Amino acid sequence: MFEIPAASTRRSAPAKNPRRRALVRLDLGRRSPVRAHLRAFVEVTPDNLDGTSTGQAAIICCKSTDEEFKRDRLHGSAELFHERFGRWGVDRVWRDDIFPCRVYLRHCVLAATALGPAFRDNFLDSSFLGDRTTTLRTWLDMHSDIMHELPPEHLIGRYSG
């Protein structure tokens, strides 16, 4: 099983300013150059949980495609792709066969819980795995031990919600 600590959303086409039901502020900590390089950032105006606009701009990370990534971030260079990914056996960067990193998922759920039950429920029911079908709630129901696992000692202060 391959687990990765990441969060992204899909672009809403053809809207120029997609809206999310809730504003999620994620502490991404130190970003490696590769992780930051993979992200496609989009400005949005999020809604509050009651459907009213927050009236303020926010940035969300959107899923891209391998083709867009290679074209926009690597200037179409197969050599750069091989240097950064291919030599490590990585044939694509956007995958649907990965699972949430357990410690990071627990951290995100604890942070959502701290914002209240409505926010937590929205987060669990409107966030999906890479397969775009399985909600976080369903995943946690199948893997309930995740919420009882403590992060490694060196991450306890950072990944405890």
N, C-alpha and C. Protein backbone atom coordinates (compact mmCIF):
# COMPACT_ATOMS: atom_id res chain seq x y z
N MET A 1 0.86 -1.18 0.00
CA MET A 1 0.00 0.00 0.00
C MET A 1 0.90 1.23 0.00
N PHE A 2 0.59 2.17 -0.87
CA PHE A 2 1.35 3.42 -0.99
C PHE A 2 0.54 4.53 -0.35
N GLU A 3 1.10 5.20 0.67
CA GLU A 3 0.41 6.29 1.36
C GLU A 3 1.17 7.58 1.12
N ILE A 4 0.42 8.69 0.96
CA ILE A 4 1.05 9.98 0.72
C ILE A 4 0.31 11.07 1.48
N PRO A 5 1.04 11.99 2.14
CA PRO A 5 0.37 13.10 2.83
C PRO A 5 0.15 14.25 1.84
N ALA A 6 -1.06 14.37 1.35
CA ALA A 6 -1.37 15.42 0.38
C ALA A 6 -2.86 15.71 0.43
N ALA A 7 -3.22 16.87 -0.06
CA ALA A 7 -4.62 17.24 -0.17
C ALA A 7 -4.78 18.08 -1.42
N SER A 8 -5.79 17.78 -2.21
CA SER A 8 -6.06 18.59 -3.39
C SER A 8 -7.53 18.46 -3.73
N THR A 9 -7.98 19.27 -4.65
CA THR A 9 -9.35 19.22 -5.11
C THR A 9 -9.34 19.24 -6.63
N ARG A 10 -10.45 18.87 -7.25
CA ARG A 10 -10.53 18.93 -8.71
C ARG A 10 -11.04 20.29 -9.12
N ARG A 11 -10.61 20.75 -10.30
CA ARG A 11 -11.13 22.00 -10.83
C ARG A 11 -12.58 21.80 -11.22
N SER A 12 -13.35 22.83 -11.06
CA SER A 12 -14.76 22.80 -11.44
C SER A 12 -14.89 23.49 -12.78
N ALA A 13 -15.08 22.74 -13.82
CA ALA A 13 -15.18 23.33 -15.17
C ALA A 13 -16.64 23.59 -15.49
N PRO A 14 -16.99 24.63 -16.21
CA PRO A 14 -16.10 25.65 -16.75
C PRO A 14 -16.02 26.89 -15.86
N ALA A 15 -16.45 26.78 -14.62
CA ALA A 15 -16.46 27.95 -13.74
C ALA A 15 -15.08 28.58 -13.61
N LYS A 16 -15.03 29.90 -13.64
CA LYS A 16 -13.75 30.59 -13.46
C LYS A 16 -13.39 30.69 -11.99
N ASN A 17 -14.40 30.65 -11.13
CA ASN A 17 -14.16 30.80 -9.71
C ASN A 17 -14.92 29.71 -8.96
N PRO A 18 -14.38 28.47 -8.91
CA PRO A 18 -15.10 27.39 -8.25
C PRO A 18 -15.27 27.67 -6.77
N ARG A 19 -16.34 27.18 -6.19
CA ARG A 19 -16.60 27.38 -4.76
C ARG A 19 -16.58 26.05 -4.05
N ARG A 20 -16.05 26.04 -2.86
CA ARG A 20 -16.06 24.88 -2.00
C ARG A 20 -17.06 25.17 -0.89
N ARG A 21 -17.58 24.15 -0.29
CA ARG A 21 -18.57 24.31 0.77
C ARG A 21 -17.94 24.79 2.06
N ALA A 22 -16.65 24.55 2.24
CA ALA A 22 -16.02 24.98 3.48
C ALA A 22 -14.58 25.37 3.20
N LEU A 23 -14.11 26.30 3.95
CA LEU A 23 -12.72 26.73 3.83
C LEU A 23 -11.88 25.87 4.76
N VAL A 24 -10.94 25.16 4.20
CA VAL A 24 -10.07 24.29 4.98
C VAL A 24 -8.68 24.90 4.96
N ARG A 25 -8.16 25.17 6.11
CA ARG A 25 -6.79 25.70 6.21
C ARG A 25 -5.90 24.56 6.65
N LEU A 26 -5.03 24.11 5.77
CA LEU A 26 -4.15 22.99 6.07
C LEU A 26 -2.75 23.50 6.38
N ASP A 27 -2.16 22.99 7.43
CA ASP A 27 -0.78 23.31 7.73
C ASP A 27 0.08 22.31 6.98
N LEU A 28 0.64 22.73 5.85
CA LEU A 28 1.43 21.82 5.05
C LEU A 28 2.88 21.74 5.54
N GLY A 29 3.22 22.53 6.52
CA GLY A 29 4.56 22.49 7.06
C GLY A 29 5.60 22.82 5.99
N ARG A 30 6.75 22.28 6.14
CA ARG A 30 7.81 22.50 5.15
C ARG A 30 7.46 21.71 3.90
N ARG A 31 7.48 22.40 2.78
CA ARG A 31 7.18 21.72 1.53
C ARG A 31 8.48 21.44 0.80
N SER A 32 8.62 20.20 0.36
CA SER A 32 9.80 19.89 -0.44
C SER A 32 9.63 20.54 -1.80
N PRO A 33 10.72 20.85 -2.48
CA PRO A 33 10.60 21.46 -3.81
C PRO A 33 9.78 20.61 -4.76
N VAL A 34 9.88 19.29 -4.65
CA VAL A 34 9.12 18.43 -5.55
C VAL A 34 7.63 18.51 -5.23
N ARG A 35 7.26 18.42 -3.95
CA ARG A 35 5.84 18.51 -3.60
C ARG A 35 5.26 19.84 -4.02
N ALA A 36 5.95 20.93 -3.74
CA ALA A 36 5.45 22.25 -4.12
C ALA A 36 5.35 22.36 -5.63
N HIS A 37 6.26 21.72 -6.33
CA HIS A 37 6.30 21.78 -7.78
C HIS A 37 5.10 21.07 -8.41
N LEU A 38 4.54 20.08 -7.71
CA LEU A 38 3.42 19.30 -8.25
C LEU A 38 2.08 20.02 -8.13
N ARG A 39 1.99 20.99 -7.29
CA ARG A 39 0.71 21.61 -6.99
C ARG A 39 0.26 22.60 -8.06
N ALA A 40 -1.05 22.59 -8.30
CA ALA A 40 -1.67 23.58 -9.19
C ALA A 40 -2.58 24.41 -8.30
N PHE A 41 -2.22 25.66 -8.05
CA PHE A 41 -2.97 26.50 -7.13
C PHE A 41 -4.00 27.32 -7.89
N VAL A 42 -5.20 27.43 -7.31
CA VAL A 42 -6.30 28.17 -7.93
C VAL A 42 -6.92 29.08 -6.87
N GLU A 43 -7.23 30.32 -7.24
CA GLU A 43 -7.89 31.24 -6.32
C GLU A 43 -9.39 30.99 -6.37
N VAL A 44 -10.02 30.92 -5.20
CA VAL A 44 -11.46 30.69 -5.09
C VAL A 44 -12.06 31.63 -4.05
N THR A 45 -13.36 31.76 -4.06
CA THR A 45 -14.08 32.43 -2.98
C THR A 45 -14.92 31.35 -2.31
N PRO A 46 -14.49 30.84 -1.16
CA PRO A 46 -15.20 29.74 -0.53
C PRO A 46 -16.51 30.18 0.13
N ASP A 47 -17.38 29.22 0.34
CA ASP A 47 -18.63 29.44 1.06
C ASP A 47 -18.46 29.00 2.50
N ASN A 48 -19.25 29.59 3.37
CA ASN A 48 -19.38 29.09 4.73
C ASN A 48 -20.23 27.83 4.69
N LEU A 49 -20.28 27.10 5.81
CA LEU A 49 -21.08 25.89 5.85
C LEU A 49 -22.57 26.15 5.61
N ASP A 50 -23.05 27.36 5.92
CA ASP A 50 -24.46 27.67 5.71
C ASP A 50 -24.75 28.10 4.27
N GLY A 51 -23.74 28.07 3.39
CA GLY A 51 -23.95 28.41 1.99
C GLY A 51 -23.69 29.86 1.64
N THR A 52 -23.49 30.71 2.63
CA THR A 52 -23.20 32.12 2.34
C THR A 52 -21.72 32.26 1.99
N SER A 53 -21.41 33.25 1.18
CA SER A 53 -20.04 33.46 0.75
C SER A 53 -19.21 34.04 1.89
N THR A 54 -17.97 33.63 1.97
CA THR A 54 -17.06 34.21 2.95
C THR A 54 -16.66 35.61 2.51
N GLY A 55 -16.79 35.88 1.21
CA GLY A 55 -16.44 37.19 0.68
C GLY A 55 -14.94 37.46 0.63
N GLN A 56 -14.15 36.43 0.82
CA GLN A 56 -12.71 36.63 0.76
C GLN A 56 -12.08 35.56 -0.12
N ALA A 57 -11.01 35.93 -0.77
CA ALA A 57 -10.31 35.00 -1.65
C ALA A 57 -9.50 34.01 -0.82
N ALA A 58 -9.36 32.82 -1.36
CA ALA A 58 -8.54 31.78 -0.74
C ALA A 58 -7.85 31.01 -1.87
N ILE A 59 -6.85 30.30 -1.53
CA ILE A 59 -6.12 29.49 -2.50
C ILE A 59 -6.35 28.02 -2.15
N ILE A 60 -6.68 27.22 -3.17
CA ILE A 60 -6.78 25.78 -2.97
C ILE A 60 -5.84 25.09 -3.94
N CYS A 61 -5.48 23.89 -3.60
CA CYS A 61 -4.61 23.09 -4.45
C CYS A 61 -5.50 22.18 -5.28
N CYS A 62 -5.36 22.25 -6.59
CA CYS A 62 -6.18 21.44 -7.49
C CYS A 62 -5.37 20.32 -8.10
N LYS A 63 -6.05 19.22 -8.33
CA LYS A 63 -5.45 18.11 -9.04
C LYS A 63 -5.18 18.55 -10.46
N SER A 64 -4.08 18.09 -10.99
CA SER A 64 -3.72 18.36 -12.36
C SER A 64 -3.72 17.03 -13.11
N THR A 65 -3.12 16.98 -14.26
CA THR A 65 -2.92 15.73 -14.99
C THR A 65 -1.44 15.61 -15.28
N ASP A 66 -1.01 14.42 -15.58
CA ASP A 66 0.39 14.23 -15.93
C ASP A 66 0.75 15.07 -17.16
N GLU A 67 -0.16 15.12 -18.12
CA GLU A 67 0.10 15.89 -19.34
C GLU A 67 0.27 17.37 -19.03
N GLU A 68 -0.64 17.94 -18.19
CA GLU A 68 -0.52 19.35 -17.81
C GLU A 68 0.77 19.60 -17.03
N PHE A 69 1.08 18.69 -16.12
CA PHE A 69 2.29 18.82 -15.32
C PHE A 69 3.53 18.85 -16.20
N LYS A 70 3.61 17.88 -17.11
CA LYS A 70 4.78 17.82 -17.99
C LYS A 70 4.87 19.05 -18.88
N ARG A 71 3.73 19.49 -19.40
CA ARG A 71 3.72 20.66 -20.29
C ARG A 71 4.03 21.95 -19.54
N ASP A 72 3.33 22.18 -18.42
CA ASP A 72 3.42 23.46 -17.72
C ASP A 72 4.60 23.57 -16.76
N ARG A 73 4.96 22.50 -16.11
CA ARG A 73 5.99 22.55 -15.09
C ARG A 73 7.36 22.06 -15.57
N LEU A 74 7.35 21.17 -16.57
CA LEU A 74 8.62 20.63 -17.07
C LEU A 74 8.90 21.07 -18.50
N HIS A 75 8.09 21.99 -19.00
CA HIS A 75 8.27 22.53 -20.35
C HIS A 75 8.32 21.44 -21.41
N GLY A 76 7.57 20.36 -21.18
CA GLY A 76 7.50 19.26 -22.14
C GLY A 76 8.74 18.40 -22.21
N SER A 77 9.63 18.53 -21.25
CA SER A 77 10.92 17.83 -21.29
C SER A 77 10.83 16.43 -20.69
N ALA A 78 11.00 15.42 -21.53
CA ALA A 78 11.03 14.03 -21.06
C ALA A 78 12.27 13.80 -20.19
N GLU A 79 13.34 14.53 -20.50
CA GLU A 79 14.58 14.38 -19.72
C GLU A 79 14.38 14.85 -18.27
N LEU A 80 13.71 15.99 -18.11
CA LEU A 80 13.43 16.48 -16.75
C LEU A 80 12.53 15.51 -15.99
N PHE A 81 11.52 14.97 -16.66
CA PHE A 81 10.63 14.01 -16.00
C PHE A 81 11.44 12.81 -15.53
N HIS A 82 12.29 12.30 -16.39
CA HIS A 82 13.10 11.15 -16.01
C HIS A 82 14.03 11.48 -14.85
N GLU A 83 14.66 12.66 -14.90
CA GLU A 83 15.58 13.08 -13.84
C GLU A 83 14.88 13.17 -12.49
N ARG A 84 13.67 13.75 -12.47
CA ARG A 84 12.96 13.97 -11.20
C ARG A 84 12.13 12.78 -10.74
N PHE A 85 11.67 11.96 -11.69
CA PHE A 85 10.74 10.89 -11.31
C PHE A 85 11.09 9.53 -11.91
N GLY A 86 11.29 9.49 -13.20
CA GLY A 86 11.47 8.23 -13.92
C GLY A 86 12.60 7.37 -13.40
N ARG A 87 13.70 7.99 -13.03
CA ARG A 87 14.84 7.21 -12.54
C ARG A 87 14.54 6.51 -11.23
N TRP A 88 13.47 6.93 -10.55
CA TRP A 88 13.06 6.28 -9.30
C TRP A 88 11.93 5.28 -9.53
N GLY A 89 11.60 5.04 -10.80
CA GLY A 89 10.54 4.08 -11.13
C GLY A 89 9.14 4.69 -11.12
N VAL A 90 9.04 6.01 -11.02
CA VAL A 90 7.75 6.69 -11.01
C VAL A 90 7.38 7.01 -12.46
N ASP A 91 6.28 6.42 -12.92
CA ASP A 91 5.88 6.63 -14.33
C ASP A 91 4.81 7.70 -14.48
N ARG A 92 4.20 8.11 -13.38
CA ARG A 92 3.20 9.19 -13.42
C ARG A 92 3.13 9.82 -12.03
N VAL A 93 2.75 11.11 -11.97
CA VAL A 93 2.72 11.79 -10.68
C VAL A 93 1.31 11.88 -10.11
N TRP A 94 0.29 11.93 -10.93
CA TRP A 94 -1.09 11.98 -10.45
C TRP A 94 -1.66 10.58 -10.54
N ARG A 95 -1.99 10.00 -9.39
CA ARG A 95 -2.39 8.60 -9.33
C ARG A 95 -3.74 8.47 -8.63
N ASP A 96 -4.43 7.37 -8.93
CA ASP A 96 -5.67 7.09 -8.22
C ASP A 96 -5.55 5.84 -7.36
N ASP A 97 -4.33 5.32 -7.25
CA ASP A 97 -4.10 4.09 -6.49
C ASP A 97 -3.27 4.32 -5.23
N ILE A 98 -3.39 5.52 -4.67
CA ILE A 98 -2.69 5.82 -3.43
C ILE A 98 -3.70 6.01 -2.30
N PHE A 99 -3.23 5.90 -1.08
CA PHE A 99 -4.09 6.02 0.08
C PHE A 99 -3.56 7.11 1.00
N PRO A 100 -4.42 7.65 1.86
CA PRO A 100 -3.96 8.71 2.75
C PRO A 100 -2.89 8.22 3.72
N CYS A 101 -1.91 9.06 3.96
CA CYS A 101 -0.92 8.79 5.00
C CYS A 101 -1.67 8.80 6.32
N ARG A 102 -1.57 7.74 7.08
CA ARG A 102 -2.39 7.57 8.28
C ARG A 102 -2.20 8.72 9.27
N VAL A 103 -0.96 9.08 9.54
CA VAL A 103 -0.67 10.12 10.53
C VAL A 103 -1.20 11.48 10.06
N TYR A 104 -1.05 11.76 8.77
CA TYR A 104 -1.52 13.04 8.23
C TYR A 104 -3.05 13.09 8.18
N LEU A 105 -3.69 11.98 7.84
CA LEU A 105 -5.15 11.93 7.84
C LEU A 105 -5.68 12.15 9.25
N ARG A 106 -5.10 11.50 10.23
CA ARG A 106 -5.51 11.70 11.62
C ARG A 106 -5.38 13.18 12.00
N HIS A 107 -4.28 13.79 11.63
CA HIS A 107 -4.04 15.21 11.91
C HIS A 107 -5.14 16.08 11.28
N CYS A 108 -5.48 15.82 10.03
CA CYS A 108 -6.51 16.61 9.35
C CYS A 108 -7.88 16.42 9.98
N VAL A 109 -8.20 15.19 10.37
CA VAL A 109 -9.49 14.93 11.02
C VAL A 109 -9.56 15.61 12.37
N LEU A 110 -8.49 15.57 13.14
CA LEU A 110 -8.47 16.26 14.43
C LEU A 110 -8.63 17.77 14.24
N ALA A 111 -7.97 18.32 13.23
CA ALA A 111 -8.09 19.76 12.97
C ALA A 111 -9.52 20.11 12.55
N ALA A 112 -10.15 19.29 11.71
CA ALA A 112 -11.54 19.53 11.30
C ALA A 112 -12.48 19.39 12.49
N THR A 113 -12.22 18.44 13.35
CA THR A 113 -13.05 18.22 14.54
C THR A 113 -12.99 19.44 15.46
N ALA A 114 -11.83 20.06 15.56
CA ALA A 114 -11.67 21.23 16.42
C ALA A 114 -12.53 22.40 15.95
N LEU A 115 -12.93 22.40 14.68
CA LEU A 115 -13.76 23.48 14.14
C LEU A 115 -15.26 23.22 14.33
N GLY A 116 -15.60 22.06 14.90
CA GLY A 116 -16.99 21.77 15.22
C GLY A 116 -17.55 20.61 14.43
N PRO A 117 -18.66 20.03 14.92
CA PRO A 117 -19.24 18.84 14.29
C PRO A 117 -19.69 19.06 12.85
N ALA A 118 -20.26 20.21 12.54
CA ALA A 118 -20.72 20.46 11.16
C ALA A 118 -19.53 20.48 10.21
N PHE A 119 -18.44 21.12 10.63
CA PHE A 119 -17.26 21.18 9.78
C PHE A 119 -16.66 19.79 9.61
N ARG A 120 -16.57 19.05 10.70
CA ARG A 120 -15.99 17.69 10.64
C ARG A 120 -16.82 16.82 9.70
N ASP A 121 -18.13 16.84 9.84
CA ASP A 121 -18.99 16.03 8.98
C ASP A 121 -18.84 16.42 7.51
N ASN A 122 -18.78 17.73 7.25
CA ASN A 122 -18.59 18.20 5.88
C ASN A 122 -17.26 17.69 5.33
N PHE A 123 -16.20 17.79 6.13
CA PHE A 123 -14.88 17.33 5.71
C PHE A 123 -14.90 15.84 5.39
N LEU A 124 -15.47 15.04 6.28
CA LEU A 124 -15.47 13.59 6.09
C LEU A 124 -16.35 13.14 4.92
N ASP A 125 -17.43 13.85 4.67
CA ASP A 125 -18.38 13.43 3.64
C ASP A 125 -18.13 14.06 2.27
N SER A 126 -17.31 15.09 2.20
CA SER A 126 -17.07 15.72 0.90
C SER A 126 -15.61 15.64 0.47
N SER A 127 -14.83 14.85 1.17
CA SER A 127 -13.43 14.61 0.81
C SER A 127 -13.30 13.16 0.37
N PHE A 128 -12.61 12.95 -0.73
CA PHE A 128 -12.53 11.62 -1.33
C PHE A 128 -11.09 11.16 -1.50
N LEU A 129 -10.90 9.85 -1.55
CA LEU A 129 -9.59 9.29 -1.87
C LEU A 129 -9.31 9.53 -3.35
N GLY A 130 -8.14 9.12 -3.78
CA GLY A 130 -7.75 9.29 -5.17
C GLY A 130 -8.67 8.60 -6.17
N ASP A 131 -9.44 7.60 -5.71
CA ASP A 131 -10.36 6.93 -6.62
C ASP A 131 -11.59 7.77 -6.93
N ARG A 132 -11.75 8.91 -6.23
CA ARG A 132 -12.85 9.85 -6.40
C ARG A 132 -14.22 9.25 -6.06
N THR A 133 -14.21 8.15 -5.33
CA THR A 133 -15.46 7.48 -4.95
C THR A 133 -15.56 7.30 -3.44
N THR A 134 -14.47 6.87 -2.82
CA THR A 134 -14.47 6.56 -1.40
C THR A 134 -14.30 7.83 -0.58
N THR A 135 -15.29 8.13 0.28
CA THR A 135 -15.18 9.30 1.15
C THR A 135 -14.21 9.00 2.29
N LEU A 136 -13.72 10.06 2.92
CA LEU A 136 -12.86 9.86 4.08
C LEU A 136 -13.62 9.15 5.20
N ARG A 137 -14.92 9.46 5.34
CA ARG A 137 -15.71 8.78 6.38
C ARG A 137 -15.72 7.27 6.14
N THR A 138 -15.95 6.86 4.89
CA THR A 138 -15.97 5.43 4.56
C THR A 138 -14.61 4.81 4.82
N TRP A 139 -13.53 5.50 4.42
CA TRP A 139 -12.18 4.99 4.64
C TRP A 139 -11.91 4.83 6.13
N LEU A 140 -12.30 5.82 6.92
CA LEU A 140 -12.07 5.72 8.37
C LEU A 140 -12.93 4.64 9.01
N ASP A 141 -14.14 4.42 8.48
CA ASP A 141 -14.97 3.32 8.99
C ASP A 141 -14.28 1.97 8.75
N MET A 142 -13.59 1.86 7.60
CA MET A 142 -12.89 0.62 7.27
C MET A 142 -11.55 0.51 8.00
N HIS A 143 -11.00 1.65 8.45
CA HIS A 143 -9.68 1.68 9.10
C HIS A 143 -9.76 2.53 10.37
N SER A 144 -10.65 2.16 11.27
CA SER A 144 -10.91 2.98 12.46
C SER A 144 -9.69 3.10 13.38
N ASP A 145 -8.73 2.20 13.25
CA ASP A 145 -7.55 2.26 14.09
C ASP A 145 -6.70 3.50 13.81
N ILE A 146 -6.88 4.12 12.66
CA ILE A 146 -6.11 5.32 12.31
C ILE A 146 -6.24 6.40 13.38
N MET A 147 -7.44 6.61 13.85
CA MET A 147 -7.68 7.69 14.81
C MET A 147 -7.11 7.38 16.20
N HIS A 148 -6.69 6.14 16.43
CA HIS A 148 -6.12 5.76 17.73
C HIS A 148 -4.61 5.66 17.69
N GLU A 149 -4.03 5.85 16.52
CA GLU A 149 -2.58 5.77 16.38
C GLU A 149 -1.95 7.14 16.64
N LEU A 150 -0.91 7.15 17.43
CA LEU A 150 -0.18 8.39 17.68
C LEU A 150 0.87 8.57 16.59
N PRO A 151 1.16 9.81 16.25
CA PRO A 151 2.23 10.04 15.28
C PRO A 151 3.58 9.67 15.89
N PRO A 152 4.60 9.51 15.05
CA PRO A 152 5.94 9.28 15.60
C PRO A 152 6.32 10.40 16.57
N GLU A 153 7.15 10.08 17.52
CA GLU A 153 7.52 11.02 18.58
C GLU A 153 7.91 12.40 18.04
N HIS A 154 8.69 12.45 16.97
CA HIS A 154 9.18 13.73 16.45
C HIS A 154 8.09 14.54 15.73
N LEU A 155 6.91 13.96 15.52
CA LEU A 155 5.81 14.67 14.86
C LEU A 155 4.62 14.94 15.79
N ILE A 156 4.70 14.55 17.02
CA ILE A 156 3.55 14.69 17.94
C ILE A 156 3.07 16.13 18.04
N GLY A 157 3.93 17.08 18.20
CA GLY A 157 3.51 18.48 18.30
C GLY A 157 2.95 19.03 17.00
N ARG A 158 3.46 18.54 15.90
CA ARG A 158 3.07 19.05 14.58
C ARG A 158 1.81 18.37 14.04
N TYR A 159 1.65 17.07 14.30
CA TYR A 159 0.55 16.30 13.71
C TYR A 159 -0.46 15.84 14.76
N SER A 160 -0.88 16.73 15.62
CA SER A 160 -1.86 16.35 16.63
C SER A 160 -3.11 17.23 16.54
N GLY A 161 -3.43 17.69 15.35
CA GLY A 161 -4.62 18.49 15.13
C GLY A 161 -4.35 19.94 15.33
